[in-house]
């Protein structure tokens, strides 16, 4: 992947660039918990000097930011 952009098409429209880890993580959230998506992304991106804990921390910050900006939303377990 060369580049990815996350766009909010409603409300206060905005866009932001994403790195490969963030794009992979966000694309795997639908139908999964954040923890499941982080584990899957970590399998792809954790290597040598990048520890799982760093990826987990980055994923939590990304989740908080995208939630605050309206790019993502919380769903209750079992809700459709």
Foldseek 3Di string as FASTA:
>chain_A
DPWDKQWDPDDPTDIDTDDPLLVQLVVPPVPHPSVVSLVVSCVVPPDDPRDSVNSVVVSVVSVVVCCVVVVDHDDDVPDD
